[in-house]
């Protein structure tokens, strides 16, 4: 099935560029029949993935490219986050171990993959020819996609 709409967003690996991706993804999500909360969740997932690229794949080294592909199908939106840095060791389902009743123990970091796994309907990761790709998607009820 070919995509209805697609777009590639690219930034350099600097944390100051991450809001550009977040705002863009949120606005692109307005094209699809999801709630404002789901649009925000999609934005958050992409921001977490891009931030992980900067922090872990590139170890905060600037001037590396991160690409985010947005693919809109009739029944889902797919995000692909690409980098050429260090690859992740694996994509096992993340778990968080803390007492949710104790707000002082909520982890400040390391929640990106947990959030993506919890919010998105599919998630996969692969490395091929030196390029890492984290792909995740959100399914929605088929409807006419805005032009």
N, C-alpha and C. Protein backbone atom coordinates (compact mmCIF):
# COMPACT_ATOMS: atom_id res chain seq x y z
N UNK A 1 0.85 -1.17 0.00
CA UNK A 1 0.00 0.00 0.00
C UNK A 1 0.90 1.24 0.00
N UNK A 2 0.73 2.11 -0.95
CA UNK A 2 1.56 3.31 -1.01
C UNK A 2 1.06 4.35 -0.01
N UNK A 3 1.98 5.20 0.42
CA UNK A 3 1.59 6.22 1.39
C UNK A 3 0.79 7.31 0.70
N UNK A 4 -0.13 7.88 1.44
CA UNK A 4 -0.94 8.97 0.94
C UNK A 4 -0.09 10.25 0.91
N UNK A 5 0.63 10.48 1.97
CA UNK A 5 1.49 11.66 2.08
C UNK A 5 2.77 11.26 2.80
N UNK A 6 3.88 11.88 2.42
CA UNK A 6 5.12 11.61 3.14
C UNK A 6 5.98 12.86 3.14
N UNK A 7 6.82 12.96 4.16
CA UNK A 7 7.67 14.11 4.33
C UNK A 7 8.87 13.69 5.15
N UNK A 8 10.05 14.24 4.84
CA UNK A 8 11.25 13.99 5.64
C UNK A 8 11.66 15.30 6.30
N UNK A 9 11.83 15.24 7.61
CA UNK A 9 12.34 16.36 8.40
C UNK A 9 13.76 16.01 8.83
N UNK A 10 14.67 16.95 8.78
CA UNK A 10 16.06 16.69 9.15
C UNK A 10 16.58 17.79 10.05
N UNK A 11 17.33 17.38 11.08
CA UNK A 11 17.99 18.34 11.97
C UNK A 11 19.41 17.85 12.25
N UNK A 12 20.23 18.76 12.69
CA UNK A 12 21.56 18.42 13.19
C UNK A 12 21.41 17.95 14.64
N UNK A 13 22.35 17.14 15.09
CA UNK A 13 22.26 16.50 16.41
C UNK A 13 22.60 17.46 17.55
N UNK A 14 21.72 18.40 17.76
CA UNK A 14 21.85 19.35 18.86
C UNK A 14 20.50 19.46 19.55
N UNK A 15 20.49 19.37 20.88
CA UNK A 15 19.23 19.38 21.62
C UNK A 15 18.39 20.62 21.32
N UNK A 16 19.01 21.74 21.00
CA UNK A 16 18.28 22.96 20.68
C UNK A 16 17.43 22.85 19.42
N UNK A 17 17.71 21.86 18.58
CA UNK A 17 16.94 21.65 17.35
C UNK A 17 15.73 20.75 17.54
N UNK A 18 15.67 20.06 18.66
CA UNK A 18 14.59 19.09 18.88
C UNK A 18 13.19 19.73 18.86
N UNK A 19 13.00 20.92 19.44
CA UNK A 19 11.66 21.52 19.38
C UNK A 19 11.15 21.74 17.95
N UNK A 20 12.04 21.97 17.00
CA UNK A 20 11.63 22.13 15.60
C UNK A 20 10.92 20.87 15.11
N UNK A 21 11.46 19.72 15.46
CA UNK A 21 10.85 18.44 15.07
C UNK A 21 9.52 18.28 15.80
N UNK A 22 9.49 18.56 17.09
CA UNK A 22 8.28 18.39 17.88
C UNK A 22 7.12 19.22 17.35
N UNK A 23 7.37 20.49 17.11
CA UNK A 23 6.32 21.38 16.60
C UNK A 23 5.84 20.91 15.24
N UNK A 24 6.77 20.52 14.39
CA UNK A 24 6.42 20.06 13.04
C UNK A 24 5.55 18.81 13.09
N UNK A 25 5.93 17.85 13.91
CA UNK A 25 5.16 16.61 14.02
C UNK A 25 3.76 16.90 14.55
N UNK A 26 3.66 17.76 15.56
CA UNK A 26 2.35 18.08 16.11
C UNK A 26 1.45 18.69 15.04
N UNK A 27 1.97 19.61 14.25
CA UNK A 27 1.18 20.24 13.19
C UNK A 27 0.81 19.23 12.11
N UNK A 28 1.72 18.33 11.76
CA UNK A 28 1.43 17.31 10.76
C UNK A 28 0.33 16.36 11.25
N UNK A 29 0.29 16.13 12.55
CA UNK A 29 -0.74 15.25 13.11
C UNK A 29 -2.13 15.86 13.02
N UNK A 30 -2.21 17.15 12.77
CA UNK A 30 -3.51 17.79 12.60
C UNK A 30 -4.17 17.35 11.28
N UNK A 31 -3.40 16.72 10.40
CA UNK A 31 -3.93 16.23 9.13
C UNK A 31 -4.67 14.90 9.28
N UNK A 32 -4.56 14.30 10.44
CA UNK A 32 -5.11 12.96 10.60
C UNK A 32 -6.22 12.94 11.65
N UNK A 33 -7.12 11.99 11.53
CA UNK A 33 -8.26 11.94 12.47
C UNK A 33 -7.90 11.32 13.82
N UNK A 34 -7.07 12.05 14.58
CA UNK A 34 -6.77 11.63 15.95
C UNK A 34 -7.07 12.80 16.87
N UNK A 35 -7.14 12.53 18.14
CA UNK A 35 -7.43 13.57 19.12
C UNK A 35 -6.21 14.45 19.34
N UNK A 36 -6.41 15.58 19.98
CA UNK A 36 -5.29 16.45 20.33
C UNK A 36 -4.32 15.74 21.27
N UNK A 37 -4.85 14.91 22.14
CA UNK A 37 -3.99 14.14 23.06
C UNK A 37 -3.12 13.17 22.27
N UNK A 38 -3.69 12.47 21.30
CA UNK A 38 -2.92 11.54 20.48
C UNK A 38 -1.88 12.27 19.63
N UNK A 39 -2.21 13.47 19.17
CA UNK A 39 -1.24 14.28 18.42
C UNK A 39 -0.07 14.66 19.33
N UNK A 40 -0.38 15.06 20.56
CA UNK A 40 0.67 15.39 21.52
C UNK A 40 1.51 14.15 21.84
N UNK A 41 0.86 13.00 22.03
CA UNK A 41 1.59 11.77 22.32
C UNK A 41 2.52 11.39 21.17
N UNK A 42 2.05 11.57 19.93
CA UNK A 42 2.89 11.28 18.77
C UNK A 42 4.09 12.21 18.75
N UNK A 43 3.86 13.49 19.00
CA UNK A 43 4.94 14.47 19.09
C UNK A 43 5.95 14.05 20.16
N UNK A 44 5.45 13.68 21.34
CA UNK A 44 6.31 13.27 22.44
C UNK A 44 7.16 12.07 22.05
N UNK A 45 6.58 11.10 21.38
CA UNK A 45 7.33 9.90 20.99
C UNK A 45 8.45 10.24 20.02
N UNK A 46 8.16 11.09 19.05
CA UNK A 46 9.20 11.49 18.09
C UNK A 46 10.29 12.29 18.80
N UNK A 47 9.90 13.20 19.66
CA UNK A 47 10.88 14.00 20.42
C UNK A 47 11.76 13.09 21.27
N UNK A 48 11.17 12.10 21.93
CA UNK A 48 11.95 11.16 22.74
C UNK A 48 12.94 10.38 21.87
N UNK A 49 12.48 9.92 20.70
CA UNK A 49 13.35 9.15 19.81
C UNK A 49 14.51 10.00 19.30
N UNK A 50 14.23 11.24 18.90
CA UNK A 50 15.28 12.13 18.40
C UNK A 50 16.26 12.48 19.52
N UNK A 51 15.74 12.74 20.70
CA UNK A 51 16.60 13.04 21.85
C UNK A 51 17.51 11.86 22.16
N UNK A 52 16.97 10.65 22.08
CA UNK A 52 17.80 9.45 22.29
C UNK A 52 18.92 9.37 21.26
N UNK A 53 18.64 9.73 20.02
CA UNK A 53 19.69 9.74 18.98
C UNK A 53 20.82 10.68 19.38
N UNK A 54 20.45 11.87 19.83
CA UNK A 54 21.46 12.87 20.20
C UNK A 54 22.27 12.40 21.40
N UNK A 55 21.58 11.91 22.43
CA UNK A 55 22.26 11.54 23.67
C UNK A 55 23.03 10.24 23.57
N UNK A 56 22.43 9.23 22.91
CA UNK A 56 23.03 7.90 22.94
C UNK A 56 23.73 7.51 21.64
N UNK A 57 23.09 7.75 20.51
CA UNK A 57 23.72 7.36 19.24
C UNK A 57 24.91 8.26 18.93
N UNK A 58 24.75 9.57 19.16
CA UNK A 58 25.82 10.53 18.84
C UNK A 58 26.57 11.05 20.07
N UNK A 59 26.16 10.64 21.27
CA UNK A 59 26.82 11.05 22.52
C UNK A 59 27.03 12.57 22.58
N UNK A 60 25.99 13.31 22.23
CA UNK A 60 25.96 14.78 22.27
C UNK A 60 26.92 15.44 21.28
N UNK A 61 27.47 14.70 20.34
CA UNK A 61 28.33 15.32 19.33
C UNK A 61 27.45 16.07 18.33
N UNK A 62 27.73 17.35 18.10
CA UNK A 62 26.91 18.11 17.14
C UNK A 62 27.27 17.78 15.69
N UNK A 63 26.46 18.30 14.80
CA UNK A 63 26.70 18.24 13.35
C UNK A 63 26.54 16.87 12.71
N UNK A 64 25.81 15.99 13.37
CA UNK A 64 25.40 14.74 12.73
C UNK A 64 23.93 14.91 12.34
N UNK A 65 23.52 14.26 11.27
CA UNK A 65 22.14 14.38 10.82
C UNK A 65 21.23 13.37 11.49
N UNK A 66 20.04 13.81 11.81
CA UNK A 66 18.94 12.94 12.25
C UNK A 66 17.78 13.25 11.31
N UNK A 67 17.23 12.21 10.73
CA UNK A 67 16.11 12.36 9.79
C UNK A 67 14.87 11.72 10.39
N UNK A 68 13.75 12.38 10.25
CA UNK A 68 12.46 11.84 10.69
C UNK A 68 11.54 11.78 9.49
N UNK A 69 11.14 10.58 9.12
CA UNK A 69 10.18 10.41 8.03
C UNK A 69 8.79 10.31 8.62
N UNK A 70 7.88 11.06 8.02
CA UNK A 70 6.46 11.07 8.39
C UNK A 70 5.74 10.46 7.19
N UNK A 71 5.06 9.34 7.41
CA UNK A 71 4.31 8.70 6.34
C UNK A 71 2.87 8.54 6.78
N UNK A 72 1.98 9.14 6.02
CA UNK A 72 0.56 9.13 6.36
C UNK A 72 -0.18 8.20 5.41
N UNK A 73 -0.77 7.18 5.97
CA UNK A 73 -1.59 6.23 5.22
C UNK A 73 -3.06 6.49 5.57
N UNK A 74 -3.94 5.82 4.90
CA UNK A 74 -5.37 6.03 5.12
C UNK A 74 -5.81 5.63 6.54
N UNK A 75 -5.06 4.71 7.17
CA UNK A 75 -5.47 4.19 8.48
C UNK A 75 -4.40 4.26 9.57
N UNK A 76 -3.27 4.91 9.26
CA UNK A 76 -2.20 4.97 10.26
C UNK A 76 -1.19 6.05 9.87
N UNK A 77 -0.42 6.46 10.85
CA UNK A 77 0.72 7.34 10.60
C UNK A 77 1.96 6.59 11.07
N UNK A 78 3.01 6.66 10.26
CA UNK A 78 4.26 5.97 10.56
C UNK A 78 5.37 7.01 10.69
N UNK A 79 6.15 6.86 11.74
CA UNK A 79 7.32 7.71 11.96
C UNK A 79 8.56 6.83 11.89
N UNK A 80 9.57 7.30 11.16
CA UNK A 80 10.85 6.60 11.09
C UNK A 80 11.93 7.59 11.46
N UNK A 81 12.68 7.26 12.51
CA UNK A 81 13.75 8.13 12.98
C UNK A 81 15.07 7.47 12.62
N UNK A 82 15.88 8.17 11.80
CA UNK A 82 17.13 7.62 11.27
C UNK A 82 18.34 8.36 11.84
N UNK A 83 19.38 7.59 12.16
CA UNK A 83 20.67 8.17 12.54
C UNK A 83 21.77 7.22 12.07
N UNK A 84 23.01 7.70 12.10
CA UNK A 84 24.14 6.87 11.73
C UNK A 84 25.14 6.75 12.88
N UNK A 85 24.65 6.93 14.09
CA UNK A 85 25.49 6.83 15.28
C UNK A 85 25.56 5.42 15.81
N UNK A 86 25.85 5.30 17.09
CA UNK A 86 25.90 4.00 17.75
C UNK A 86 24.51 3.39 17.78
N UNK A 87 24.42 2.11 17.48
CA UNK A 87 23.11 1.46 17.46
C UNK A 87 22.70 1.03 18.87
N UNK A 88 21.40 0.85 19.04
CA UNK A 88 20.87 0.37 20.32
C UNK A 88 21.19 -1.12 20.42
N UNK A 89 21.41 -1.62 21.63
CA UNK A 89 21.71 -3.04 21.78
C UNK A 89 20.53 -3.95 21.44
N UNK A 90 19.33 -3.49 21.62
CA UNK A 90 18.15 -4.31 21.35
C UNK A 90 16.90 -3.54 21.64
N UNK A 91 15.78 -4.10 21.23
CA UNK A 91 14.50 -3.39 21.42
C UNK A 91 13.56 -4.25 22.25
N UNK A 92 14.08 -4.81 23.32
CA UNK A 92 13.19 -5.55 24.20
C UNK A 92 12.22 -4.58 24.86
N UNK A 93 11.06 -5.09 25.25
CA UNK A 93 10.06 -4.21 25.85
C UNK A 93 10.62 -3.64 27.15
N UNK A 94 10.71 -2.30 27.23
CA UNK A 94 11.29 -1.68 28.42
C UNK A 94 10.35 -1.76 29.61
N UNK A 95 10.94 -1.82 30.78
CA UNK A 95 10.15 -1.79 32.01
C UNK A 95 10.71 -0.70 32.91
N UNK A 96 9.86 -0.14 33.70
CA UNK A 96 10.28 0.85 34.68
C UNK A 96 10.00 0.28 36.05
N UNK A 97 11.01 0.33 36.90
CA UNK A 97 10.84 -0.19 38.25
C UNK A 97 10.92 0.96 39.24
N UNK A 98 9.75 1.38 39.70
CA UNK A 98 9.65 2.43 40.71
C UNK A 98 8.27 2.33 41.33
N UNK A 99 8.09 2.99 42.45
CA UNK A 99 6.81 3.01 43.15
C UNK A 99 6.00 4.20 42.64
N UNK A 100 4.95 3.96 41.83
CA UNK A 100 4.19 5.07 41.25
C UNK A 100 3.46 5.93 42.28
N UNK A 101 3.34 5.44 43.52
CA UNK A 101 2.70 6.25 44.56
C UNK A 101 3.67 7.23 45.20
N UNK A 102 4.97 7.06 44.93
CA UNK A 102 5.99 7.94 45.49
C UNK A 102 6.54 8.81 44.36
N UNK A 103 6.05 10.04 44.25
CA UNK A 103 6.45 10.93 43.17
C UNK A 103 7.93 11.29 43.20
N UNK A 104 8.57 11.14 44.36
CA UNK A 104 10.01 11.43 44.46
C UNK A 104 10.84 10.36 43.77
N UNK A 105 10.26 9.19 43.50
CA UNK A 105 11.01 8.09 42.89
C UNK A 105 10.78 7.95 41.39
N UNK A 106 9.95 8.80 40.80
CA UNK A 106 9.71 8.69 39.36
C UNK A 106 11.00 9.01 38.63
N UNK A 107 11.45 8.14 37.71
CA UNK A 107 12.72 8.38 37.02
C UNK A 107 12.67 9.64 36.17
N UNK A 108 13.80 10.37 36.15
CA UNK A 108 13.88 11.59 35.36
C UNK A 108 14.32 11.30 33.94
N UNK A 109 14.93 10.17 33.69
CA UNK A 109 15.41 9.83 32.36
C UNK A 109 15.15 8.37 32.08
N UNK A 110 15.47 7.96 30.87
CA UNK A 110 15.34 6.56 30.50
C UNK A 110 13.92 6.11 30.23
N UNK A 111 13.02 7.06 30.00
CA UNK A 111 11.63 6.68 29.79
C UNK A 111 11.20 6.71 28.33
N UNK A 112 12.09 7.16 27.42
CA UNK A 112 11.74 7.34 26.02
C UNK A 112 11.14 6.11 25.37
N UNK A 113 11.88 5.00 25.40
CA UNK A 113 11.38 3.77 24.77
C UNK A 113 10.14 3.24 25.48
N UNK A 114 10.08 3.42 26.78
CA UNK A 114 8.89 3.01 27.52
C UNK A 114 7.66 3.76 27.02
N UNK A 115 7.80 5.06 26.85
CA UNK A 115 6.69 5.90 26.39
C UNK A 115 6.29 5.50 24.97
N UNK A 116 7.27 5.37 24.08
CA UNK A 116 6.98 4.99 22.69
C UNK A 116 6.26 3.65 22.64
N UNK A 117 6.77 2.69 23.39
CA UNK A 117 6.17 1.36 23.41
C UNK A 117 4.75 1.38 23.96
N UNK A 118 4.51 2.26 24.93
CA UNK A 118 3.19 2.34 25.56
C UNK A 118 2.17 3.05 24.69
N UNK A 119 2.59 4.08 23.96
CA UNK A 119 1.68 4.94 23.21
C UNK A 119 1.43 4.44 21.79
N UNK A 120 2.46 3.95 21.13
CA UNK A 120 2.34 3.56 19.73
C UNK A 120 1.81 2.13 19.57
N UNK A 121 1.27 1.85 18.39
CA UNK A 121 0.71 0.53 18.12
C UNK A 121 1.76 -0.47 17.64
N UNK A 122 2.77 0.00 16.93
CA UNK A 122 3.87 -0.86 16.50
C UNK A 122 5.18 -0.13 16.75
N UNK A 123 6.24 -0.91 16.95
CA UNK A 123 7.57 -0.33 17.12
C UNK A 123 8.58 -1.37 16.63
N UNK A 124 9.58 -0.91 15.88
CA UNK A 124 10.65 -1.80 15.43
C UNK A 124 11.94 -1.00 15.31
N UNK A 125 13.05 -1.72 15.30
CA UNK A 125 14.36 -1.08 15.21
C UNK A 125 15.25 -1.95 14.35
N UNK A 126 15.99 -1.31 13.45
CA UNK A 126 16.94 -2.08 12.65
C UNK A 126 18.14 -1.22 12.31
N UNK A 127 19.25 -1.88 12.06
CA UNK A 127 20.46 -1.24 11.57
C UNK A 127 20.82 -1.90 10.27
N UNK A 128 21.00 -1.07 9.24
CA UNK A 128 21.34 -1.60 7.93
C UNK A 128 22.27 -0.62 7.23
N UNK A 129 23.41 -1.13 6.76
CA UNK A 129 24.40 -0.31 6.06
C UNK A 129 24.79 0.94 6.86
N UNK A 130 24.96 0.77 8.17
CA UNK A 130 25.39 1.86 9.03
C UNK A 130 24.32 2.85 9.43
N UNK A 131 23.07 2.61 9.02
CA UNK A 131 21.98 3.51 9.39
C UNK A 131 21.02 2.80 10.33
N UNK A 132 20.75 3.44 11.46
CA UNK A 132 19.79 2.93 12.44
C UNK A 132 18.44 3.55 12.16
N UNK A 133 17.39 2.73 12.25
CA UNK A 133 16.04 3.24 12.03
C UNK A 133 15.12 2.72 13.12
N UNK A 134 14.55 3.64 13.87
CA UNK A 134 13.50 3.32 14.84
C UNK A 134 12.19 3.70 14.17
N UNK A 135 11.33 2.72 13.97
CA UNK A 135 10.05 2.94 13.29
C UNK A 135 8.91 2.64 14.25
N UNK A 136 7.93 3.53 14.29
CA UNK A 136 6.76 3.30 15.11
C UNK A 136 5.55 3.91 14.43
N UNK A 137 4.37 3.36 14.76
CA UNK A 137 3.17 3.83 14.08
C UNK A 137 1.99 3.91 15.03
N UNK A 138 1.03 4.72 14.63
CA UNK A 138 -0.23 4.89 15.34
C UNK A 138 -1.35 4.61 14.35
N UNK A 139 -2.22 3.70 14.71
CA UNK A 139 -3.35 3.32 13.86
C UNK A 139 -4.56 4.17 14.25
N UNK A 140 -5.35 4.56 13.27
CA UNK A 140 -6.59 5.29 13.55
C UNK A 140 -7.66 4.79 12.60
N UNK A 141 -8.90 5.16 12.87
CA UNK A 141 -10.02 4.73 12.03
C UNK A 141 -9.84 5.32 10.63
N UNK A 142 -9.98 4.50 9.61
CA UNK A 142 -9.84 5.03 8.23
C UNK A 142 -10.83 6.16 8.00
N UNK A 143 -10.33 7.21 7.41
CA UNK A 143 -11.15 8.39 7.09
C UNK A 143 -10.48 9.12 5.96
N UNK A 144 -11.16 10.04 5.40
CA UNK A 144 -10.56 10.84 4.33
C UNK A 144 -9.46 11.69 4.94
N UNK A 145 -8.27 11.60 4.39
CA UNK A 145 -7.15 12.37 4.87
C UNK A 145 -7.21 13.75 4.23
N UNK A 146 -6.99 14.79 5.06
CA UNK A 146 -7.03 16.17 4.55
C UNK A 146 -6.02 16.35 3.45
N UNK A 147 -6.36 17.21 2.48
CA UNK A 147 -5.39 17.48 1.42
C UNK A 147 -4.52 18.66 1.74
